[in-house]
Amino acid sequence: KQWYQRRVRVLIETARALLAIGVWDSAALEIVLQGIKYGSVDLRCSLLETLRLSKNPHLVNKQSIQFKILQSLLLFLVSKGSHNLRTPESTPRFQLKEDPLFTGLDVCGTPVPANADN
């Protein structure tokens, strides 16, 4: 079992690295999709952050099955509110530009740059 867990971690990290540098390979995207669907909240958050910061998103094949699944998965997460990670006090951890009450953290808890487009 440990061998399998290490292999899965290597696959996820490899896929994350490929997407981060702008290589939108369908196999890498499939691994990221599986991690978002079945992984822990921390893994989901990390993979969503990787997608957000990845290079060359315009190069993804928008006709591919993986892209269409990613699109529907993201819509599902937003509709269920799964993108709104909450702190123990049930306050949002992401910042809305219009609301000064939020802490200035994005969905994964990292500081939002002042010029970020949310």
N, C-alpha and C. Protein backbone atom coordinates (compact mmCIF):
# COMPACT_ATOMS: atom_id res chain seq x y z
N LYS A 1 0.83 -1.20 0.00
CA LYS A 1 0.00 0.00 0.00
C LYS A 1 0.87 1.26 0.00
N GLN A 2 1.97 1.25 0.75
CA GLN A 2 2.84 2.43 0.78
C GLN A 2 3.45 2.70 -0.59
N TRP A 3 3.81 1.63 -1.30
CA TRP A 3 4.36 1.81 -2.64
C TRP A 3 3.33 2.50 -3.54
N TYR A 4 2.08 2.09 -3.44
CA TYR A 4 1.02 2.67 -4.25
C TYR A 4 0.82 4.14 -3.90
N GLN A 5 0.81 4.47 -2.62
CA GLN A 5 0.61 5.85 -2.19
C GLN A 5 1.75 6.75 -2.69
N ARG A 6 2.99 6.23 -2.63
CA ARG A 6 4.12 7.01 -3.15
C ARG A 6 3.99 7.23 -4.65
N ARG A 7 3.56 6.21 -5.36
CA ARG A 7 3.41 6.32 -6.81
C ARG A 7 2.34 7.36 -7.16
N VAL A 8 1.24 7.34 -6.43
CA VAL A 8 0.17 8.32 -6.68
C VAL A 8 0.69 9.73 -6.40
N ARG A 9 1.43 9.91 -5.32
CA ARG A 9 1.99 11.23 -5.02
C ARG A 9 2.93 11.71 -6.13
N VAL A 10 3.74 10.81 -6.65
CA VAL A 10 4.65 11.17 -7.74
C VAL A 10 3.86 11.56 -8.98
N LEU A 11 2.81 10.82 -9.29
CA LEU A 11 1.98 11.14 -10.45
C LEU A 11 1.33 12.52 -10.29
N ILE A 12 0.80 12.78 -9.12
CA ILE A 12 0.13 14.07 -8.88
C ILE A 12 1.14 15.21 -8.97
N GLU A 13 2.29 15.06 -8.36
CA GLU A 13 3.30 16.12 -8.40
C GLU A 13 3.82 16.34 -9.83
N THR A 14 3.97 15.28 -10.58
CA THR A 14 4.41 15.40 -11.97
C THR A 14 3.36 16.13 -12.81
N ALA A 15 2.10 15.74 -12.65
CA ALA A 15 1.02 16.39 -13.38
C ALA A 15 0.93 17.86 -12.99
N ARG A 16 1.07 18.15 -11.72
CA ARG A 16 1.01 19.53 -11.24
C ARG A 16 2.15 20.35 -11.85
N ALA A 17 3.34 19.78 -11.90
CA ALA A 17 4.49 20.49 -12.47
C ALA A 17 4.29 20.75 -13.96
N LEU A 18 3.76 19.77 -14.68
CA LEU A 18 3.52 19.96 -16.11
C LEU A 18 2.52 21.08 -16.36
N LEU A 19 1.41 21.08 -15.62
CA LEU A 19 0.41 22.13 -15.81
C LEU A 19 0.96 23.49 -15.39
N ALA A 20 1.75 23.51 -14.33
CA ALA A 20 2.30 24.77 -13.84
C ALA A 20 3.19 25.44 -14.88
N ILE A 21 3.93 24.65 -15.66
CA ILE A 21 4.81 25.24 -16.68
C ILE A 21 4.12 25.40 -18.03
N GLY A 22 2.83 25.03 -18.09
CA GLY A 22 2.07 25.27 -19.30
C GLY A 22 1.97 24.11 -20.26
N VAL A 23 2.32 22.91 -19.81
CA VAL A 23 2.17 21.72 -20.66
C VAL A 23 0.82 21.10 -20.32
N TRP A 24 -0.18 21.36 -21.15
CA TRP A 24 -1.55 20.93 -20.90
C TRP A 24 -1.78 19.55 -21.52
N ASP A 25 -1.04 18.58 -21.05
CA ASP A 25 -1.16 17.20 -21.50
C ASP A 25 -2.46 16.60 -20.97
N SER A 26 -3.16 15.82 -21.80
CA SER A 26 -4.44 15.26 -21.38
C SER A 26 -4.28 14.28 -20.21
N ALA A 27 -3.19 13.52 -20.18
CA ALA A 27 -2.96 12.59 -19.07
C ALA A 27 -2.71 13.35 -17.77
N ALA A 28 -1.95 14.44 -17.83
CA ALA A 28 -1.70 15.26 -16.63
C ALA A 28 -3.00 15.89 -16.14
N LEU A 29 -3.80 16.37 -17.07
CA LEU A 29 -5.07 16.97 -16.68
C LEU A 29 -6.00 15.93 -16.06
N GLU A 30 -5.98 14.71 -16.57
CA GLU A 30 -6.79 13.63 -16.01
C GLU A 30 -6.38 13.32 -14.57
N ILE A 31 -5.08 13.29 -14.30
CA ILE A 31 -4.60 13.03 -12.94
C ILE A 31 -5.04 14.15 -12.00
N VAL A 32 -4.93 15.38 -12.46
CA VAL A 32 -5.37 16.52 -11.64
C VAL A 32 -6.88 16.44 -11.38
N LEU A 33 -7.64 16.08 -12.40
CA LEU A 33 -9.09 15.92 -12.22
C LEU A 33 -9.42 14.89 -11.15
N GLN A 34 -8.72 13.76 -11.19
CA GLN A 34 -8.96 12.71 -10.20
C GLN A 34 -8.59 13.20 -8.80
N GLY A 35 -7.51 13.97 -8.70
CA GLY A 35 -7.11 14.52 -7.41
C GLY A 35 -8.12 15.50 -6.87
N ILE A 36 -8.70 16.32 -7.75
CA ILE A 36 -9.72 17.27 -7.32
C ILE A 36 -10.99 16.54 -6.88
N LYS A 37 -11.36 15.52 -7.63
CA LYS A 37 -12.60 14.79 -7.32
C LYS A 37 -12.48 13.93 -6.06
N TYR A 38 -11.38 13.23 -5.90
CA TYR A 38 -11.29 12.22 -4.85
C TYR A 38 -10.27 12.54 -3.76
N GLY A 39 -9.51 13.61 -3.90
CA GLY A 39 -8.48 13.93 -2.93
C GLY A 39 -9.02 14.65 -1.71
N SER A 40 -8.14 14.88 -0.77
CA SER A 40 -8.48 15.62 0.44
C SER A 40 -8.75 17.08 0.11
N VAL A 41 -9.26 17.81 1.06
CA VAL A 41 -9.53 19.23 0.86
C VAL A 41 -8.22 19.96 0.58
N ASP A 42 -7.16 19.61 1.28
CA ASP A 42 -5.86 20.26 1.04
C ASP A 42 -5.34 19.98 -0.36
N LEU A 43 -5.47 18.74 -0.80
CA LEU A 43 -5.03 18.40 -2.15
C LEU A 43 -5.88 19.14 -3.18
N ARG A 44 -7.19 19.17 -2.99
CA ARG A 44 -8.08 19.88 -3.92
C ARG A 44 -7.69 21.34 -4.00
N CYS A 45 -7.46 21.95 -2.87
CA CYS A 45 -7.09 23.35 -2.83
C CYS A 45 -5.77 23.58 -3.56
N SER A 46 -4.81 22.74 -3.32
CA SER A 46 -3.51 22.86 -3.96
C SER A 46 -3.62 22.70 -5.48
N LEU A 47 -4.41 21.74 -5.92
CA LEU A 47 -4.56 21.52 -7.36
C LEU A 47 -5.33 22.66 -8.03
N LEU A 48 -6.34 23.18 -7.36
CA LEU A 48 -7.07 24.32 -7.91
C LEU A 48 -6.16 25.54 -8.01
N GLU A 49 -5.31 25.72 -7.02
CA GLU A 49 -4.35 26.82 -7.05
C GLU A 49 -3.36 26.63 -8.19
N THR A 50 -2.93 25.40 -8.43
CA THR A 50 -2.04 25.11 -9.56
C THR A 50 -2.71 25.47 -10.88
N LEU A 51 -3.98 25.10 -11.02
CA LEU A 51 -4.70 25.44 -12.25
C LEU A 51 -4.81 26.95 -12.41
N ARG A 52 -5.06 27.64 -11.31
CA ARG A 52 -5.22 29.09 -11.36
C ARG A 52 -3.93 29.78 -11.79
N LEU A 53 -2.81 29.26 -11.33
CA LEU A 53 -1.52 29.92 -11.60
C LEU A 53 -0.77 29.33 -12.79
N SER A 54 -1.33 28.34 -13.45
CA SER A 54 -0.62 27.66 -14.52
C SER A 54 -0.36 28.59 -15.71
N LYS A 55 0.66 28.23 -16.44
CA LYS A 55 1.05 29.01 -17.62
C LYS A 55 0.27 28.54 -18.84
N ASN A 56 0.10 29.43 -19.78
CA ASN A 56 -0.49 29.14 -21.08
C ASN A 56 -1.86 28.45 -21.03
N PRO A 57 -2.80 28.93 -20.23
CA PRO A 57 -4.10 28.26 -20.19
C PRO A 57 -4.83 28.33 -21.53
N HIS A 58 -4.46 29.27 -22.37
CA HIS A 58 -5.09 29.37 -23.69
C HIS A 58 -4.71 28.20 -24.60
N LEU A 59 -3.67 27.44 -24.23
CA LEU A 59 -3.24 26.32 -25.06
C LEU A 59 -3.98 25.01 -24.77
N VAL A 60 -4.82 24.99 -23.74
CA VAL A 60 -5.55 23.76 -23.43
C VAL A 60 -6.52 23.47 -24.58
N ASN A 61 -6.66 22.20 -24.91
CA ASN A 61 -7.58 21.79 -25.95
C ASN A 61 -9.00 21.83 -25.38
N LYS A 62 -9.75 22.85 -25.74
CA LYS A 62 -11.08 23.05 -25.17
C LYS A 62 -12.11 22.05 -25.70
N GLN A 63 -11.73 21.25 -26.69
CA GLN A 63 -12.62 20.21 -27.21
C GLN A 63 -12.34 18.85 -26.57
N SER A 64 -11.32 18.77 -25.73
CA SER A 64 -10.96 17.49 -25.13
C SER A 64 -11.96 17.09 -24.06
N ILE A 65 -12.06 15.81 -23.85
CA ILE A 65 -12.95 15.27 -22.80
C ILE A 65 -12.52 15.79 -21.44
N GLN A 66 -11.20 15.82 -21.17
CA GLN A 66 -10.70 16.25 -19.87
C GLN A 66 -11.09 17.70 -19.58
N PHE A 67 -11.00 18.57 -20.59
CA PHE A 67 -11.37 19.96 -20.38
C PHE A 67 -12.86 20.08 -20.08
N LYS A 68 -13.67 19.34 -20.80
CA LYS A 68 -15.12 19.40 -20.56
C LYS A 68 -15.46 18.87 -19.18
N ILE A 69 -14.77 17.83 -18.74
CA ILE A 69 -15.00 17.31 -17.38
C ILE A 69 -14.53 18.34 -16.35
N LEU A 70 -13.38 18.97 -16.59
CA LEU A 70 -12.88 20.00 -15.68
C LEU A 70 -13.88 21.14 -15.58
N GLN A 71 -14.40 21.55 -16.69
CA GLN A 71 -15.38 22.63 -16.71
C GLN A 71 -16.61 22.27 -15.89
N SER A 72 -17.16 21.08 -16.09
CA SER A 72 -18.34 20.69 -15.33
C SER A 72 -18.01 20.47 -13.86
N LEU A 73 -16.82 19.98 -13.55
CA LEU A 73 -16.41 19.78 -12.16
C LEU A 73 -16.29 21.12 -11.45
N LEU A 74 -15.71 22.11 -12.09
CA LEU A 74 -15.59 23.43 -11.48
C LEU A 74 -16.96 24.06 -11.25
N LEU A 75 -17.85 23.92 -12.22
CA LEU A 75 -19.21 24.43 -12.04
C LEU A 75 -19.91 23.74 -10.88
N PHE A 76 -19.71 22.42 -10.76
CA PHE A 76 -20.29 21.67 -9.66
C PHE A 76 -19.75 22.14 -8.32
N LEU A 77 -18.43 22.33 -8.23
CA LEU A 77 -17.83 22.79 -6.97
C LEU A 77 -18.35 24.16 -6.58
N VAL A 78 -18.49 25.04 -7.55
CA VAL A 78 -19.00 26.38 -7.26
C VAL A 78 -20.46 26.31 -6.83
N SER A 79 -21.26 25.49 -7.50
CA SER A 79 -22.69 25.41 -7.16
C SER A 79 -22.91 24.82 -5.77
N LYS A 80 -22.03 23.91 -5.34
CA LYS A 80 -22.14 23.32 -4.00
C LYS A 80 -21.47 24.17 -2.93
N GLY A 81 -20.74 25.18 -3.34
CA GLY A 81 -20.02 26.00 -2.39
C GLY A 81 -18.73 25.37 -1.91
N SER A 82 -18.25 24.33 -2.59
CA SER A 82 -17.03 23.64 -2.16
C SER A 82 -15.79 24.49 -2.37
N HIS A 83 -15.89 25.54 -3.14
CA HIS A 83 -14.75 26.41 -3.33
C HIS A 83 -14.59 27.38 -2.17
N ASN A 84 -15.61 27.48 -1.32
CA ASN A 84 -15.57 28.37 -0.16
C ASN A 84 -15.10 27.60 1.06
N LEU A 85 -13.80 27.44 1.20
CA LEU A 85 -13.28 26.78 2.38
C LEU A 85 -13.51 27.68 3.58
N ARG A 86 -13.92 27.10 4.67
CA ARG A 86 -14.27 27.89 5.84
C ARG A 86 -13.29 27.64 6.97
N THR A 87 -13.11 28.67 7.78
CA THR A 87 -12.30 28.54 8.98
C THR A 87 -13.19 27.96 10.07
N PRO A 88 -12.61 27.57 11.21
CA PRO A 88 -13.44 27.05 12.30
C PRO A 88 -14.53 28.02 12.74
N GLU A 89 -14.33 29.30 12.54
CA GLU A 89 -15.34 30.29 12.93
C GLU A 89 -16.39 30.49 11.84
N SER A 90 -16.33 29.67 10.76
CA SER A 90 -17.27 29.75 9.63
C SER A 90 -17.21 31.07 8.90
N THR A 91 -16.05 31.67 8.84
CA THR A 91 -15.90 32.89 8.05
C THR A 91 -15.13 32.55 6.78
N PRO A 92 -15.49 33.17 5.67
CA PRO A 92 -14.79 32.88 4.42
C PRO A 92 -13.32 33.23 4.52
N ARG A 93 -12.46 32.42 3.85
CA ARG A 93 -11.02 32.66 3.84
C ARG A 93 -10.58 33.30 2.53
N PHE A 94 -11.50 33.71 1.70
CA PHE A 94 -11.13 34.35 0.45
C PHE A 94 -11.58 35.79 0.50
N GLN A 95 -10.99 36.63 -0.34
CA GLN A 95 -11.27 38.04 -0.30
C GLN A 95 -12.17 38.45 -1.45
N LEU A 96 -13.17 39.24 -1.13
CA LEU A 96 -13.96 39.91 -2.15
C LEU A 96 -13.51 41.36 -2.15
N LYS A 97 -13.21 41.89 -3.30
CA LYS A 97 -12.66 43.24 -3.38
C LYS A 97 -13.60 44.28 -2.75
N GLU A 98 -14.91 44.06 -2.89
CA GLU A 98 -15.86 45.05 -2.41
C GLU A 98 -16.08 44.98 -0.89
N ASP A 99 -15.68 43.93 -0.23
CA ASP A 99 -16.00 43.74 1.17
C ASP A 99 -14.75 43.82 2.04
N PRO A 100 -14.58 44.91 2.79
CA PRO A 100 -13.38 45.06 3.62
C PRO A 100 -13.36 44.14 4.83
N LEU A 101 -14.45 43.42 5.10
CA LEU A 101 -14.50 42.55 6.26
C LEU A 101 -13.70 41.27 6.08
N PHE A 102 -13.43 40.89 4.84
CA PHE A 102 -12.69 39.65 4.61
C PHE A 102 -11.21 39.87 4.88
N THR A 103 -10.52 38.79 5.16
CA THR A 103 -9.16 38.86 5.68
C THR A 103 -8.08 39.12 4.64
N GLY A 104 -8.39 39.14 3.39
CA GLY A 104 -7.36 39.33 2.37
C GLY A 104 -6.66 38.05 1.98
N LEU A 105 -7.32 36.93 2.19
CA LEU A 105 -6.76 35.65 1.79
C LEU A 105 -7.62 35.06 0.69
N ASP A 106 -6.95 34.35 -0.22
CA ASP A 106 -7.73 33.70 -1.28
C ASP A 106 -8.22 32.36 -0.79
N VAL A 107 -8.79 31.57 -1.68
CA VAL A 107 -9.46 30.33 -1.31
C VAL A 107 -8.52 29.33 -0.63
N CYS A 108 -7.23 29.41 -0.88
CA CYS A 108 -6.29 28.45 -0.29
C CYS A 108 -5.56 29.03 0.90
N GLY A 109 -5.90 30.23 1.31
CA GLY A 109 -5.28 30.80 2.49
C GLY A 109 -3.97 31.52 2.24
N THR A 110 -3.63 31.78 0.98
CA THR A 110 -2.41 32.52 0.68
C THR A 110 -2.78 33.98 0.44
N PRO A 111 -1.88 34.90 0.75
CA PRO A 111 -2.20 36.32 0.58
C PRO A 111 -2.53 36.65 -0.87
N VAL A 112 -3.51 37.49 -1.05
CA VAL A 112 -3.91 37.95 -2.38
C VAL A 112 -3.13 39.21 -2.70
N PRO A 113 -2.42 39.26 -3.83
CA PRO A 113 -1.71 40.49 -4.22
C PRO A 113 -2.71 41.62 -4.42
N ALA A 114 -2.28 42.83 -4.18
CA ALA A 114 -3.16 43.99 -4.27
C ALA A 114 -3.74 44.16 -5.67
N ASN A 115 -3.02 43.75 -6.70
CA ASN A 115 -3.49 43.93 -8.08
C ASN A 115 -4.10 42.66 -8.65
N ALA A 116 -4.49 41.72 -7.80
CA ALA A 116 -5.04 40.44 -8.29
C ALA A 116 -6.42 40.64 -8.87
N ASP A 117 -6.69 39.94 -9.95
CA ASP A 117 -8.01 39.96 -10.57
C ASP A 117 -8.82 38.81 -10.03
N ASN A 118 -9.78 39.06 -9.16
CA ASN A 118 -10.61 37.97 -8.61
C ASN A 118 -11.88 37.85 -9.37
